[in-house]
Amino acid sequence: MLLRIIAEMPSQRDIYATAKLLVDRHGLDGARDHCRDRVEALTAEGDKMGAHVWDQVRLALLDLSPAPGGPIN
């Protein structure tokens, strides 16, 4: 069972690619809102793994966020 769960988890590369895609499509604030909405919806549905994945995307957005006065990474 644990191996199946690990195999279904996206890679860090996939997490960051998703975060970058969301920023490109929705802007940084829209991407954050989207992640928050997904975490809330999946949590309400009882999908802990799905909520965790979207929380990881949200954290990746922090790395992609521009430093104060600097360009987006």
C-alpha atoms as a PDB file:
ATOM      1  CA  MET A   1       0.000   0.000   0.000  1.00  0.00           C
ATOM      2  CA  LEU A   2       2.742   2.510   0.932  1.00  0.00           C
ATOM      3  CA  LEU A   3       4.614   1.818  -2.319  1.00  0.00           C
ATOM      4  CA  ARG A   4       1.430   2.516  -4.273  1.00  0.00           C
ATOM      5  CA  ILE A   5       0.967   5.845  -2.484  1.00  0.00           C
ATOM      6  CA  ILE A   6       4.584   6.849  -3.105  1.00  0.00           C
ATOM      7  CA  ALA A   7       4.290   5.882  -6.775  1.00  0.00           C
ATOM      8  CA  GLU A   8       1.216   8.107  -7.135  1.00  0.00           C
ATOM      9  CA  MET A   9       2.868  11.182  -5.616  1.00  0.00           C
ATOM     10  CA  PRO A  10       4.129  13.665  -8.213  1.00  0.00           C
ATOM     11  CA  SER A  11       7.830  14.428  -8.376  1.00  0.00           C
ATOM     12  CA  GLN A  12       9.283  17.729  -7.199  1.00  0.00           C
ATOM     13  CA  ARG A  13       9.813  18.570 -10.856  1.00  0.00           C
ATOM     14  CA  ASP A  14       6.100  18.049 -11.512  1.00  0.00           C
ATOM     15  CA  ILE A  15       5.209  20.181  -8.482  1.00  0.00           C
ATOM     16  CA  TYR A  16       7.349  23.084  -9.693  1.00  0.00           C
ATOM     17  CA  ALA A  17       6.166  22.714 -13.284  1.00  0.00           C
ATOM     18  CA  THR A  18       2.577  22.935 -12.053  1.00  0.00           C
ATOM     19  CA  ALA A  19       3.392  26.007  -9.978  1.00  0.00           C
ATOM     20  CA  LYS A  20       5.079  27.696 -12.957  1.00  0.00           C
ATOM     21  CA  LEU A  21       2.145  26.874 -15.233  1.00  0.00           C
ATOM     22  CA  LEU A  22      -0.306  28.351 -12.727  1.00  0.00           C
ATOM     23  CA  VAL A  23       1.754  31.548 -12.471  1.00  0.00           C
ATOM     24  CA  ASP A  24       1.964  31.823 -16.255  1.00  0.00           C
ATOM     25  CA  ARG A  25      -1.790  31.377 -16.625  1.00  0.00           C
ATOM     26  CA  HIS A  26      -3.166  33.207 -13.581  1.00  0.00           C
ATOM     27  CA  GLY A  27      -0.396  35.406 -12.213  1.00  0.00           C
ATOM     28  CA  LEU A  28       1.117  34.880  -8.791  1.00  0.00           C
ATOM     29  CA  ASP A  29      -1.923  35.967  -6.779  1.00  0.00           C
ATOM     30  CA  GLY A  30      -4.293  33.901  -8.935  1.00  0.00           C
ATOM     31  CA  ALA A  31      -2.019  30.860  -8.593  1.00  0.00           C
ATOM     32  CA  ARG A  32      -2.023  31.219  -4.808  1.00  0.00           C
ATOM     33  CA  ASP A  33      -5.813  31.530  -4.788  1.00  0.00           C
ATOM     34  CA  HIS A  34      -6.155  28.456  -6.994  1.00  0.00           C
ATOM     35  CA  CYS A  35      -3.934  26.377  -4.695  1.00  0.00           C
ATOM     36  CA  ARG A  36      -5.825  27.538  -1.610  1.00  0.00           C
ATOM     37  CA  ASP A  37      -9.155  26.675  -3.233  1.00  0.00           C
ATOM     38  CA  ARG A  38      -7.934  23.214  -4.261  1.00  0.00           C
ATOM     39  CA  VAL A  39      -6.556  22.460  -0.776  1.00  0.00           C
ATOM     40  CA  GLU A  40      -9.844  23.523   0.822  1.00  0.00           C
ATOM     41  CA  ALA A  41     -11.991  21.551  -1.635  1.00  0.00           C
ATOM     42  CA  LEU A  42      -9.920  18.376  -1.408  1.00  0.00           C
ATOM     43  CA  THR A  43      -9.759  18.589   2.381  1.00  0.00           C
ATOM     44  CA  ALA A  44     -13.539  18.921   2.514  1.00  0.00           C
ATOM     45  CA  GLU A  45     -13.812  15.824   0.304  1.00  0.00           C
ATOM     46  CA  GLY A  46     -11.477  13.893   2.600  1.00  0.00           C
ATOM     47  CA  ASP A  47      -8.717  13.632  -0.025  1.00  0.00           C
ATOM     48  CA  LYS A  48      -5.699  14.164   2.210  1.00  0.00           C
ATOM     49  CA  MET A  49      -3.154  13.157  -0.420  1.00  0.00           C
ATOM     50  CA  GLY A  50      -4.636  15.491  -3.023  1.00  0.00           C
ATOM     51  CA  ALA A  51      -4.714  18.351  -0.524  1.00  0.00           C
ATOM     52  CA  HIS A  52      -1.088  17.632   0.372  1.00  0.00           C
ATOM     53  CA  VAL A  53      -0.033  17.757  -3.290  1.00  0.00           C
ATOM     54  CA  TRP A  54      -1.729  21.134  -3.808  1.00  0.00           C
ATOM     55  CA  ASP A  55      -0.135  22.399  -0.608  1.00  0.00           C
ATOM     56  CA  GLN A  56       3.245  21.399  -2.062  1.00  0.00           C
ATOM     57  CA  VAL A  57       2.410  23.406  -5.195  1.00  0.00           C
ATOM     58  CA  ARG A  58       1.551  26.354  -2.953  1.00  0.00           C
ATOM     59  CA  LEU A  59       4.933  26.053  -1.237  1.00  0.00           C
ATOM     60  CA  ALA A  60       6.668  25.901  -4.626  1.00  0.00           C
ATOM     61  CA  LEU A  61       5.013  29.220  -5.461  1.00  0.00           C
ATOM     62  CA  LEU A  62       6.998  30.755  -2.598  1.00  0.00           C
ATOM     63  CA  ASP A  63      10.218  29.724  -4.341  1.00  0.00           C
ATOM     64  CA  LEU A  64       8.959  31.171  -7.629  1.00  0.00           C
ATOM     65  CA  SER A  65       7.886  34.433  -6.009  1.00  0.00           C
ATOM     66  CA  PRO A  66      10.020  37.432  -6.802  1.00  0.00           C
ATOM     67  CA  ALA A  67      12.274  38.824  -4.143  1.00  0.00           C
ATOM     68  CA  PRO A  68      11.201  42.316  -3.126  1.00  0.00           C
ATOM     69  CA  GLY A  69      12.137  44.529  -6.067  1.00  0.00           C
ATOM     70  CA  GLY A  70      13.401  41.610  -8.161  1.00  0.00           C
ATOM     71  CA  PRO A  71      12.144  39.563 -11.108  1.00  0.00           C
ATOM     72  CA  ILE A  72      10.162  36.339 -10.755  1.00  0.00           C
ATOM     73  CA  ASN A  73      12.424  33.258 -10.676  1.00  0.00           C
END
